[in-house]
Protein backbone atom coordinates (compact mmCIF):
# COMPACT_ATOMS: atom_id res chain seq x y z
CA MET A 1 -39.15 59.79 15.72
CA LYS A 2 -42.77 59.10 13.63
CA PHE A 3 -43.90 56.37 11.47
CA ILE A 4 -45.24 58.39 8.07
CA THR A 5 -46.63 57.63 4.74
CA PRO A 6 -44.35 57.62 1.46
CA ALA A 7 -46.15 60.53 0.04
CA GLN A 8 -45.92 62.51 3.51
CA ALA A 9 -42.02 61.67 3.41
CA ALA A 10 -42.16 63.31 0.11
CA ASP A 11 -43.64 66.39 1.17
CA LEU A 12 -40.60 66.50 3.57
CA VAL A 13 -38.11 67.74 0.51
CA GLY A 14 -38.02 71.60 -0.51
CA ALA A 15 -37.64 73.32 -3.50
CA GLU A 16 -33.61 73.39 -3.98
CA SER A 17 -33.24 71.12 -1.20
CA SER A 18 -29.96 68.37 -1.14
CA LEU A 19 -31.66 64.83 -0.97
CA ILE A 20 -29.39 61.95 -0.91
CA ALA A 21 -30.39 58.66 -1.35
CA SER A 22 -29.21 55.17 -0.68
CA GLY A 23 -28.30 52.02 -2.37
CA SER A 24 -26.88 50.25 -5.36
CA GLY A 25 -27.57 49.32 -8.85
CA GLY A 26 -30.90 47.04 -9.46
CA GLY A 27 -32.80 47.74 -6.18
CA HIS A 28 -30.27 46.66 -3.37
CA ALA A 29 -31.37 48.78 -0.65
CA VAL A 30 -32.61 51.25 -2.54
CA PRO A 31 -36.00 53.13 -1.18
CA GLU A 32 -37.66 53.11 -3.85
CA ALA A 33 -41.29 53.78 -2.34
CA LEU A 34 -40.20 57.19 -1.32
CA LEU A 35 -38.16 58.04 -4.70
CA ALA A 36 -41.36 56.89 -6.53
CA ALA A 37 -43.50 59.33 -4.43
CA LEU A 38 -41.41 62.10 -4.70
CA GLY A 39 -41.37 61.78 -8.37
CA GLU A 40 -45.16 61.81 -8.40
CA ARG A 41 -45.66 65.08 -5.89
CA PHE A 42 -43.63 66.49 -8.79
CA ARG A 43 -45.72 65.25 -11.40
CA GLN A 44 -48.76 66.46 -9.89
CA THR A 45 -47.64 69.77 -8.55
CA GLY A 46 -44.16 70.31 -9.83
CA ALA A 47 -42.77 70.65 -6.51
CA PRO A 48 -40.19 70.22 -4.99
CA SER A 49 -38.09 71.98 -8.45
CA GLY A 50 -34.30 72.39 -8.43
CA LEU A 51 -33.31 69.22 -6.61
CA THR A 52 -29.46 68.37 -5.84
CA LEU A 53 -29.60 64.73 -6.05
CA THR A 54 -26.99 62.61 -4.58
CA HIS A 55 -26.74 58.65 -4.95
CA VAL A 56 -23.18 57.03 -3.87
CA VAL A 57 -23.78 53.80 -6.21
CA GLY A 58 -25.81 54.21 -9.23
CA ILE A 59 -29.45 53.08 -8.28
CA GLY A 60 -32.16 51.97 -11.01
CA ASP A 61 -33.33 49.35 -12.73
CA ARG A 62 -31.84 50.71 -15.98
CA LYS A 63 -35.34 51.93 -17.16
CA ASP A 64 -37.59 53.83 -14.76
CA ARG A 65 -37.49 52.94 -11.27
CA GLY A 66 -34.39 54.14 -8.66
CA ALA A 67 -33.04 57.41 -9.65
CA ALA A 68 -34.94 57.95 -12.69
CA HIS A 69 -38.55 58.77 -10.65
CA LEU A 70 -36.77 62.06 -10.48
CA ALA A 71 -35.38 62.37 -13.98
CA GLN A 72 -37.85 64.88 -14.97
CA PRO A 73 -37.05 68.51 -16.28
CA GLY A 74 -36.77 71.10 -14.10
CA MET A 75 -36.82 68.80 -11.08
CA VAL A 76 -33.32 68.06 -10.41
CA ARG A 77 -30.81 70.87 -11.29
CA ARG A 78 -27.44 69.08 -9.97
CA LEU A 79 -26.79 65.32 -9.93
CA ILE A 80 -23.80 63.80 -8.17
CA THR A 81 -23.18 60.34 -8.26
CA SER A 82 -20.34 57.42 -9.37
CA ALA A 83 -22.96 56.36 -11.98
CA LEU A 84 -25.91 57.35 -14.70
CA VAL A 85 -26.59 53.56 -16.06
CA ASP A 86 -28.72 52.50 -13.86
CA ALA A 87 -30.97 55.55 -14.48
CA PRO A 88 -30.59 56.13 -18.10
CA ALA A 89 -33.30 59.28 -18.44
CA PHE A 90 -30.46 61.05 -17.09
CA ILE A 91 -27.99 60.65 -19.74
CA PRO A 92 -29.76 62.59 -22.19
CA MET A 93 -30.54 65.53 -19.67
CA ALA A 94 -26.30 65.52 -18.82
CA LEU A 95 -25.91 65.40 -22.58
CA ALA A 96 -28.03 68.36 -23.27
CA ASP A 97 -26.42 70.49 -20.49
CA GLN A 98 -30.20 70.39 -18.81
CA VAL A 99 -28.39 68.94 -15.52
CA GLU A 100 -25.26 69.61 -13.68
CA ALA A 101 -24.10 66.23 -13.61
CA TYR A 102 -21.05 64.73 -11.69
CA THR A 103 -19.72 61.25 -11.93
CA LEU A 104 -17.07 61.06 -9.03
CA PRO A 105 -15.30 57.84 -7.94
CA GLN A 106 -17.51 55.33 -5.41
CA GLY A 107 -15.33 55.04 -2.91
CA VAL A 108 -14.71 59.02 -3.01
CA LEU A 109 -18.55 59.32 -2.18
CA SER A 110 -18.93 56.89 0.12
CA GLN A 111 -15.81 57.97 2.34
CA LEU A 112 -16.60 61.68 1.67
CA MET A 113 -20.07 60.98 3.54
CA ARG A 114 -17.93 59.57 6.45
CA ASP A 115 -15.72 62.71 6.63
CA MET A 116 -18.51 65.10 6.35
CA ALA A 117 -20.07 62.95 9.22
CA ALA A 118 -17.36 64.22 11.15
CA GLY A 119 -17.29 67.92 10.13
CA ARG A 120 -14.01 67.29 8.22
CA PRO A 121 -12.72 69.71 5.41
CA GLY A 122 -13.65 67.24 2.78
CA LEU A 123 -11.84 63.98 2.10
CA ILE A 124 -7.73 64.11 0.81
CA THR A 125 -6.93 61.29 -1.51
CA ARG A 126 -4.88 60.48 -4.32
CA THR A 127 -7.95 58.53 -6.06
CA GLY A 128 -8.53 60.01 -9.15
CA LEU A 129 -5.31 61.99 -10.04
CA HIS A 130 -4.99 62.26 -13.66
CA THR A 131 -8.07 60.90 -14.80
CA PHE A 132 -11.15 63.01 -15.75
CA VAL A 133 -11.96 63.24 -12.16
CA ASP A 134 -8.90 65.48 -11.51
CA PRO A 135 -9.71 69.15 -11.81
CA ARG A 136 -6.79 69.58 -14.46
CA GLN A 137 -9.21 67.38 -16.82
CA ASP A 138 -12.81 67.78 -16.34
CA GLY A 139 -13.02 67.54 -12.57
CA GLY A 140 -15.97 65.02 -12.97
CA LEU A 141 -18.10 67.03 -14.83
CA GLN A 142 -20.36 64.93 -17.60
CA GLY A 143 -23.02 67.47 -18.21
CA GLY A 144 -24.20 70.97 -17.43
CA ARG A 145 -22.17 74.56 -16.49
CA MET A 146 -20.05 73.69 -13.18
CA SER A 147 -21.38 76.04 -10.44
CA GLU A 148 -18.77 75.49 -7.78
CA PRO A 149 -15.89 72.86 -7.77
CA ARG A 150 -16.51 69.87 -6.23
CA VAL A 151 -12.61 68.77 -6.41
CA GLU A 152 -8.94 70.46 -6.04
CA VAL A 153 -5.51 69.66 -6.35
CA ILE A 154 -3.49 70.50 -3.42
CA GLN A 155 0.09 69.82 -1.96
CA ILE A 156 1.13 67.57 0.87
CA GLY A 157 4.89 66.98 1.35
CA GLY A 158 5.52 67.68 -2.44
CA GLN A 159 3.39 65.39 -3.88
CA ASP A 160 -0.19 65.95 -5.48
CA TRP A 161 -3.35 65.28 -3.80
CA LEU A 162 -6.89 65.74 -4.35
CA ARG A 163 -9.33 67.23 -1.71
CA PHE A 164 -12.75 66.26 -2.50
CA LEU A 165 -15.17 68.74 -1.20
CA PRO A 166 -17.95 68.44 1.69
CA PHE A 167 -21.36 69.75 0.75
CA GLN A 168 -24.84 70.09 2.36
CA ILE A 169 -27.38 67.45 2.85
CA ASP A 170 -30.95 68.33 3.90
CA VAL A 171 -32.60 65.22 3.40
CA ALA A 172 -31.70 61.23 3.49
CA PHE A 173 -33.90 58.69 2.07
CA LEU A 174 -32.19 55.62 3.30
CA ARG A 175 -33.59 51.91 3.58
CA GLY A 176 -33.16 48.90 6.48
CA THR A 177 -35.14 45.79 6.86
CA THR A 178 -36.70 46.19 10.08
CA ALA A 179 -37.56 49.37 12.56
CA ASP A 180 -38.16 49.28 16.34
CA GLU A 181 -40.56 51.45 17.85
CA ASP A 182 -37.86 53.60 18.85
CA GLY A 183 -36.33 53.90 15.53
CA ASN A 184 -33.64 52.04 15.36
CA ILE A 185 -32.76 50.30 12.05
CA SER A 186 -31.46 46.79 11.35
CA MET A 187 -30.47 45.63 7.85
CA GLU A 188 -30.84 41.98 8.16
CA GLN A 189 -32.47 41.33 4.87
CA GLU A 190 -31.05 43.71 2.79
CA ALA A 191 -28.06 42.70 0.15
CA ILE A 192 -25.73 45.22 0.45
CA PRO A 193 -24.79 47.40 3.79
CA GLY A 194 -23.81 50.55 2.05
CA GLU A 195 -23.03 53.79 3.92
CA MET A 196 -26.32 54.29 6.24
CA LEU A 197 -24.61 55.11 9.43
CA SER A 198 -22.46 57.49 7.76
CA THR A 199 -24.91 59.23 5.87
CA ALA A 200 -27.14 59.38 8.75
CA GLN A 201 -24.70 60.99 10.88
CA ALA A 202 -23.51 63.29 8.43
CA VAL A 203 -27.47 64.61 7.53
CA ARG A 204 -27.98 64.96 11.13
CA ARG A 205 -24.43 67.11 11.76
CA MET A 206 -26.01 69.23 8.85
CA GLY A 207 -29.04 69.59 10.70
CA GLY A 208 -31.04 67.82 8.03
CA LYS A 209 -34.16 65.35 8.10
CA VAL A 210 -33.16 61.37 8.03
CA ILE A 211 -36.13 59.26 6.50
CA VAL A 212 -35.66 55.49 6.47
CA GLN A 213 -38.09 53.00 4.55
CA VAL A 214 -38.34 49.95 5.97
CA LYS A 215 -40.17 46.41 5.76
CA ARG A 216 -41.35 45.98 9.26
CA VAL A 217 -41.70 47.22 12.54
CA ALA A 218 -40.84 45.51 16.00
CA ARG A 219 -41.41 46.35 19.33
CA SER A 220 -39.32 48.59 21.37
CA GLY A 221 -36.30 46.46 22.27
CA ALA A 222 -37.41 43.82 20.53
CA LEU A 223 -34.09 44.32 18.11
CA ARG A 224 -30.79 42.43 19.16
CA ALA A 225 -28.49 45.54 19.84
CA ARG A 226 -25.45 43.87 17.79
CA ASP A 227 -28.09 44.44 15.00
CA VAL A 228 -28.72 47.58 14.83
CA ARG A 229 -27.44 49.83 11.74
CA ILE A 230 -28.73 52.94 12.17
CA PRO A 231 -29.29 54.13 15.66
CA GLY A 232 -32.92 55.74 16.54
CA ILE A 233 -31.16 58.70 17.61
CA LEU A 234 -30.54 59.36 13.92
CA VAL A 235 -33.55 59.20 12.22
CA ASP A 236 -36.45 61.34 12.19
CA HIS A 237 -39.14 59.54 10.28
CA VAL A 238 -40.15 55.51 9.18
CA VAL A 239 -41.69 54.86 6.04
CA VAL A 240 -43.15 51.14 6.62
CA VAL A 241 -43.46 49.05 3.34
CA PRO A 242 -44.55 45.66 3.75
CA GLU A 243 -43.82 44.58 -0.08
CA GLN A 244 -40.45 45.91 0.02
CA SER A 245 -38.17 43.51 -2.32
CA GLN A 246 -34.44 42.52 -1.70
CA THR A 247 -33.77 43.45 -5.21
CA TYR A 248 -35.57 44.26 -8.47
CA ALA A 249 -35.08 41.11 -9.80
CA THR A 250 -35.48 39.06 -6.24
CA ASP A 251 -37.91 38.88 -3.60
CA TYR A 252 -35.93 37.49 -1.18
CA ASP A 253 -32.77 35.19 -1.43
CA PRO A 254 -31.69 34.24 1.87
CA SER A 255 -28.08 33.49 0.43
CA TYR A 256 -27.77 37.38 -0.27
CA SER A 257 -28.18 38.71 3.32
CA GLY A 258 -25.71 35.59 4.62
CA GLU A 259 -28.37 33.40 6.20
CA LEU A 260 -27.26 30.47 4.42
CA ARG A 261 -24.36 29.04 2.13
CA VAL A 262 -25.56 27.84 -1.06
CA PRO A 263 -23.93 25.00 -2.79
CA LEU A 264 -21.48 25.85 -5.70
CA ASN A 265 -22.90 23.71 -8.15
CA ARG A 266 -26.18 26.19 -7.73
CA ILE A 267 -23.99 29.31 -9.25
CA LYS A 268 -24.82 28.93 -12.85
CA PRO A 269 -22.25 28.53 -15.23
CA LEU A 270 -21.91 31.03 -17.89
CA GLU A 271 -23.28 30.37 -21.75
CA PHE A 272 -20.26 29.51 -23.89
CA GLY A 273 -18.93 32.73 -26.04
CA ALA A 274 -16.88 35.28 -26.45
CA ARG A 275 -17.64 36.71 -22.39
CA LYS A 276 -16.82 33.34 -21.25
CA ILE A 277 -13.83 32.94 -23.16
CA ILE A 278 -12.46 36.56 -22.10
CA ALA A 279 -13.52 35.52 -18.15
CA ARG A 280 -11.46 32.31 -18.45
CA ARG A 281 -8.55 34.19 -19.85
CA ALA A 282 -8.88 36.32 -16.86
CA ALA A 283 -9.58 33.71 -14.59
CA MET A 284 -5.84 32.37 -15.23
CA GLU A 285 -4.37 35.17 -13.64
CA LEU A 286 -5.98 33.83 -10.11
CA ARG A 287 -3.40 32.74 -7.71
CA PRO A 288 -4.16 30.89 -4.47
CA GLY A 289 -4.78 33.09 -1.60
CA ALA A 290 -5.18 36.32 -3.74
CA VAL A 291 -7.49 38.81 -2.56
CA CYS A 292 -9.23 40.30 -6.03
CA ASN A 293 -11.83 42.82 -6.88
CA ILE A 294 -14.04 41.75 -9.47
CA GLY A 295 -15.93 44.59 -11.09
CA ALA A 296 -19.02 45.03 -13.26
CA GLY A 297 -19.50 44.32 -17.01
CA ILE A 298 -17.68 41.23 -18.52
CA SER A 299 -15.44 41.13 -15.15
CA THR A 300 -18.28 39.76 -12.97
CA GLY A 301 -18.38 36.49 -14.97
CA ILE A 302 -15.03 35.39 -13.22
CA SER A 303 -16.50 34.25 -10.10
CA THR A 304 -18.74 32.11 -11.81
CA VAL A 305 -16.22 30.82 -14.04
CA ALA A 306 -14.03 30.36 -10.57
CA ALA A 307 -16.93 28.25 -9.52
CA GLU A 308 -17.48 26.36 -12.46
CA GLU A 309 -13.53 25.14 -12.33
CA GLY A 310 -13.44 24.25 -8.38
CA ILE A 311 -10.91 27.08 -7.70
CA LEU A 312 -13.63 29.81 -5.84
CA ASP A 313 -12.44 28.70 -2.29
CA SER A 314 -8.55 29.23 -3.04
CA ILE A 315 -8.99 32.95 -3.53
CA THR A 316 -10.84 35.48 -1.94
CA LEU A 317 -13.22 37.78 -4.21
CA THR A 318 -14.26 41.09 -3.04
CA ASN A 319 -16.89 43.64 -4.16
CA GLU A 320 -16.58 47.49 -3.82
CA GLN A 321 -20.25 46.91 -2.38
CA GLY A 322 -18.72 45.73 0.72
CA PHE A 323 -18.18 42.04 0.37
CA ILE A 324 -15.33 39.49 1.19
CA GLY A 325 -15.26 35.90 0.32
CA GLY A 326 -17.73 34.24 -1.77
CA ALA A 327 -19.03 34.85 -5.20
CA PRO A 328 -20.15 37.85 -6.44
CA LEU A 329 -23.32 37.88 -8.54
CA THR A 330 -23.74 38.57 -12.21
CA GLY A 331 -26.63 39.71 -13.98
CA PRO A 332 -29.30 42.09 -12.71
CA ASP A 333 -28.89 41.10 -8.87
CA SER A 334 -24.98 42.10 -9.58
CA GLY A 335 -23.53 44.03 -6.65
CA ALA A 336 -24.35 41.49 -4.13
CA ALA A 337 -23.26 38.11 -3.19
CA GLN A 338 -23.67 34.64 -1.78
CA ASN A 339 -21.18 32.55 0.58
CA TRP A 340 -19.30 35.57 1.53
CA SER A 341 -17.42 35.05 4.77
CA ALA A 342 -17.77 39.41 6.05
CA MET A 343 -19.69 42.29 5.43
CA VAL A 344 -18.32 45.52 5.81
CA ASP A 345 -19.75 49.31 5.73
CA GLN A 346 -19.13 50.45 2.10
CA PRO A 347 -16.12 52.85 3.02
CA TYR A 348 -14.29 50.56 4.67
CA GLN A 349 -14.03 48.57 1.82
CA PHE A 350 -12.47 51.52 0.16
CA ASP A 351 -10.18 52.22 2.53
CA PHE A 352 -8.79 48.66 2.36
CA TYR A 353 -8.84 49.21 -1.65
CA ASP A 354 -7.41 52.76 -1.50
CA GLY A 355 -4.94 50.95 1.12
CA GLY A 356 -3.14 48.55 -1.73
CA GLY A 357 -5.17 45.81 -0.43
CA ILE A 358 -6.17 43.97 -3.60
CA ASP A 359 -3.57 41.91 -5.18
CA VAL A 360 -5.48 41.56 -8.67
CA ALA A 361 -8.60 43.61 -9.70
CA PHE A 362 -10.39 42.40 -12.56
CA LEU A 363 -11.96 45.13 -14.59
CA SER A 364 -13.34 46.02 -17.81
CA PHE A 365 -12.74 48.58 -20.89
CA VAL A 366 -13.97 50.44 -23.82
CA GLU A 367 -11.56 52.49 -25.02
CA VAL A 368 -7.47 51.99 -24.57
CA ASN A 369 -5.08 53.98 -26.54
CA ALA A 370 -1.32 52.94 -27.39
CA GLN A 371 0.09 54.52 -23.45
CA GLY A 372 -2.49 52.34 -21.80
CA ASP A 373 -4.93 55.21 -20.87
CA VAL A 374 -8.31 53.25 -20.35
CA ASN A 375 -12.09 54.87 -20.95
CA ILE A 376 -14.83 53.33 -19.74
CA SER A 377 -17.16 56.39 -18.48
CA ARG A 378 -18.18 58.31 -21.72
CA PHE A 379 -18.07 56.97 -25.37
CA ASN A 380 -20.30 56.83 -28.28
CA GLY A 381 -22.56 59.68 -26.96
CA THR A 382 -23.74 57.91 -23.50
CA ILE A 383 -22.55 58.31 -20.18
CA VAL A 384 -21.70 55.54 -18.20
CA GLY A 385 -20.07 56.98 -15.30
CA ILE A 386 -17.27 55.65 -12.68
CA GLY A 387 -18.62 53.46 -10.36
CA GLY A 388 -15.53 52.11 -8.36
CA PHE A 389 -13.45 51.75 -11.46
CA VAL A 390 -10.85 53.99 -10.24
CA ASN A 391 -10.33 53.61 -6.30
CA ILE A 392 -9.64 49.80 -7.24
CA SER A 393 -7.60 50.52 -10.70
CA GLN A 394 -5.54 52.88 -9.28
CA ASN A 395 -4.78 50.96 -6.02
CA ALA A 396 -4.40 47.67 -6.89
CA LYS A 397 -1.19 45.82 -7.14
CA GLU A 398 -2.11 44.26 -10.86
CA THR A 399 -4.97 45.45 -12.99
CA VAL A 400 -6.64 43.04 -15.27
CA PHE A 401 -8.98 44.71 -17.86
CA SER A 402 -11.24 42.54 -20.03
CA GLY A 403 -13.36 43.50 -22.94
CA THR A 404 -14.25 41.95 -26.70
CA PHE A 405 -11.88 43.14 -29.04
CA THR A 406 -14.23 45.16 -31.37
CA ALA A 407 -17.82 45.97 -30.25
CA GLY A 408 -21.37 46.00 -32.03
CA GLY A 409 -22.13 42.87 -33.65
CA LEU A 410 -19.44 40.94 -32.54
CA ASP A 411 -19.88 37.05 -33.60
CA ILE A 412 -17.22 34.41 -33.39
CA ALA A 413 -16.86 30.49 -33.54
CA CYS A 414 -14.91 27.94 -32.06
CA GLU A 415 -13.72 24.83 -33.32
CA ASP A 416 -11.17 22.24 -32.31
CA GLY A 417 -9.56 24.64 -29.88
CA THR A 418 -9.38 27.35 -32.42
CA LEU A 419 -11.28 30.79 -32.67
CA ARG A 420 -12.95 32.48 -36.06
CA ILE A 421 -14.31 35.59 -36.40
CA VAL A 422 -18.06 35.13 -38.19
CA THR A 423 -18.51 39.04 -38.22
CA GLU A 424 -15.94 41.64 -36.82
CA GLY A 425 -17.51 44.23 -34.47
CA ARG A 426 -18.26 47.72 -35.77
CA HIS A 427 -16.66 49.69 -33.30
CA ARG A 428 -12.65 49.65 -32.71
CA LYS A 429 -11.58 49.55 -28.56
CA PHE A 430 -7.87 50.42 -29.20
CA CYS A 431 -7.87 53.92 -30.39
CA ASP A 432 -5.50 56.75 -30.74
CA THR A 433 -6.95 58.61 -28.39
CA VAL A 434 -9.93 57.85 -25.50
CA GLN A 435 -12.59 59.95 -24.83
CA GLN A 436 -11.92 60.42 -20.95
CA VAL A 437 -9.44 59.07 -19.02
CA SER A 438 -10.71 56.59 -16.51
CA TYR A 439 -7.11 55.24 -15.85
CA SER A 440 -4.05 56.86 -16.80
CA GLY A 441 -1.67 54.12 -17.82
CA PRO A 442 1.38 56.62 -17.78
CA PHE A 443 0.54 57.46 -14.04
CA ALA A 444 0.09 53.82 -13.15
CA ALA A 445 3.47 52.82 -15.19
CA CYS A 446 5.13 55.48 -12.87
CA GLU A 447 3.84 53.87 -9.47
CA GLY A 448 4.72 50.31 -10.54
CA ARG A 449 1.60 48.96 -11.06
CA LYS A 450 0.79 46.11 -13.47
CA ALA A 451 -1.90 46.07 -16.32
CA LEU A 452 -2.85 43.30 -18.61
CA PHE A 453 -5.95 43.51 -20.98
CA VAL A 454 -7.65 40.82 -22.35
CA THR A 455 -9.76 40.05 -25.37
CA GLU A 456 -11.22 36.97 -26.61
CA ARG A 457 -8.88 36.60 -29.63
CA ALA A 458 -5.64 38.60 -27.91
CA VAL A 459 -3.54 39.83 -24.82
CA PHE A 460 -1.64 43.08 -23.96
CA ARG A 461 0.24 43.86 -21.46
CA LEU A 462 1.33 47.42 -20.37
CA ALA A 463 5.16 47.39 -20.76
CA ASP A 464 7.66 50.49 -20.57
CA GLY A 465 4.80 52.76 -21.42
CA ARG A 466 3.38 50.76 -24.22
CA LEU A 467 0.91 48.16 -25.33
CA THR A 468 2.61 44.85 -26.24
CA LEU A 469 1.08 42.10 -27.46
CA GLU A 470 1.66 38.95 -25.43
CA GLU A 471 -0.79 36.39 -26.72
CA ILE A 472 -2.97 35.28 -29.77
CA ALA A 473 -5.68 33.27 -30.19
CA PRO A 474 -5.39 29.96 -32.30
CA GLY A 475 -6.72 30.48 -35.60
CA ILE A 476 -6.59 34.54 -35.66
CA ASP A 477 -4.50 36.00 -38.16
CA LEU A 478 -2.42 39.13 -36.73
CA ASP A 479 -2.70 41.04 -39.52
CA ARG A 480 -6.30 40.59 -40.72
CA ASP A 481 -7.91 39.98 -37.11
CA ILE A 482 -5.83 41.98 -34.93
CA LEU A 483 -3.55 44.91 -36.57
CA ALA A 484 -6.20 45.91 -39.21
CA HIS A 485 -8.67 46.57 -36.21
CA MET A 486 -6.39 49.06 -34.59
CA ASP A 487 -5.65 52.94 -34.50
CA PHE A 488 -2.03 52.29 -33.32
CA LYS A 489 0.24 49.39 -33.69
CA PRO A 490 1.13 47.84 -30.79
CA ASP A 491 4.44 46.41 -29.68
CA LEU A 492 5.67 42.82 -30.80
CA ILE A 493 8.88 42.69 -29.01
CA ASN A 494 9.00 38.73 -28.91
CA ARG A 495 6.86 36.51 -31.20
CA PRO A 496 2.89 36.28 -29.59
CA LYS A 497 2.42 32.57 -27.63
CA LEU A 498 -0.92 30.79 -28.33
CA MET A 499 -3.57 31.39 -25.83
CA ASP A 500 -4.56 27.85 -24.33
CA LYS A 501 -6.59 26.06 -26.23
CA ARG A 502 -8.97 24.92 -23.70
CA LEU A 503 -10.53 28.54 -23.49
CA PHE A 504 -11.91 28.13 -26.59
CA ALA A 505 -13.66 24.63 -25.96
CA THR A 506 -17.37 24.09 -24.39
CA GLN A 507 -16.06 21.77 -21.30
CA PRO A 508 -14.63 23.15 -17.90
CA MET A 509 -11.04 23.97 -18.42
CA GLY A 510 -9.68 22.08 -15.49
CA LEU A 511 -8.15 25.11 -13.33
CA SER A 512 -7.47 23.18 -10.38
CA GLU A 513 -5.99 24.78 -7.34
CA ALA A 514 -2.48 22.42 -8.33
CA ASP A 515 -2.75 23.51 -12.25
CA VAL A 516 -2.46 27.21 -10.46
CA PHE A 517 0.30 26.10 -8.67
CA GLN A 518 2.15 24.53 -11.00
CA ARG A 519 1.66 27.34 -13.52
CA ILE A 520 3.16 29.54 -10.78
CA GLY A 521 6.13 27.37 -10.22
CA ALA A 522 6.60 27.07 -13.85
CA CYS A 523 7.17 31.14 -13.86
CA GLU A 524 9.16 31.04 -11.34
CA ASP A 525 11.55 28.24 -12.98
């Protein structure tokens, strides 16, 4: 093992190499200095070109950091990830077919690292069936021409399964906090665990180079053996970057790494508006003891609502990055969590998810059709990607999809427990056809999975293969404010109930644990 500089690390990546980078979202365990050095090398020399770049989670600040360092014409020819939105410079390249871009489920890529480490013939799973990831649809391709398939359909026991194919990785850029002189790596200040060990094992098995960026160096034997997350036998080079920050937005917060737990009143409440109304209504689906997932986007507000309402300790929130318990963060540090009870490597979190461990999942939606198909991955001329959405939605016992009823300039007002639409959004979300299928309503119905769709003015349920309107906000007119802005008419089996007027007031709703139990009792009666 050798200590080298970021520039020397960049020199180890050859033309047409396959590179994988660790991390998540806004700088969580992202080897930023290594990616920046590699991007600078290409700007100065035009090398290395024709790379295959893989990162399990989207990495970047949604501007010019993270994977965006490599978004230069000719540098990357193939991109394999779960999300493009964090490095938006790649989006126009994918739309223009300048890069062969794939967005595959986050859990699939995470678990695939472990299977590749063991030399298995890929990942065999039902995750992704009947979505755009299925090779009978797009096979996950978002741009360019497919040079070789990433996934195939196979039959086992008379059922369809997907086999995600293994691929070569030549260089890994990973990140930890401390390296000792023998190359053992700890992650005591990192905001997420990722799949560092599985990735290092996979790359070592393939004869590639494992390069790890860290903040500091310790003497040989100084690290507690229990704290070592990547053994030195798997590490070829270490790059020390003393100014390494925990995330792009936060230098270091000890609650992110589990060093301390913060009082719940430190969790800032959401500003009142449409997002909070939606998060509140979604939070009303929480049940004491339930194990939940909080997804990205508007659903991240559910944890802050639960904290504000004093019910956070009555449930177990999780996120796909590996946290169990506590409060997943919102905003630029989304992906991390505070007050968590356990942190497991990402592949194992997705094993739990794929095995049906989630009682209720809270996810976002962008487009929905009459049969309950959901699109969150590609719309309005851009590519977002899929993140952990497919693993979560396809395997949870119940999924609550949240989003504003329309998008683009929507403005609302609340008065005396009623809702009024001041300015309607320009874009419809309830469409005849969704651009991509990120969640298959018919497949979910066949497997007996429940789905609820929550907006600021209406609540729908997937029932008998169709969207059914169940609730309407006080002050909202059914024809003018709902049906006039849908491409299809939902089922109206019964007269819709009024949404709880407490949703539309600025003060907390009072969703105490007792209140939740009372609602359960009422439903059972």
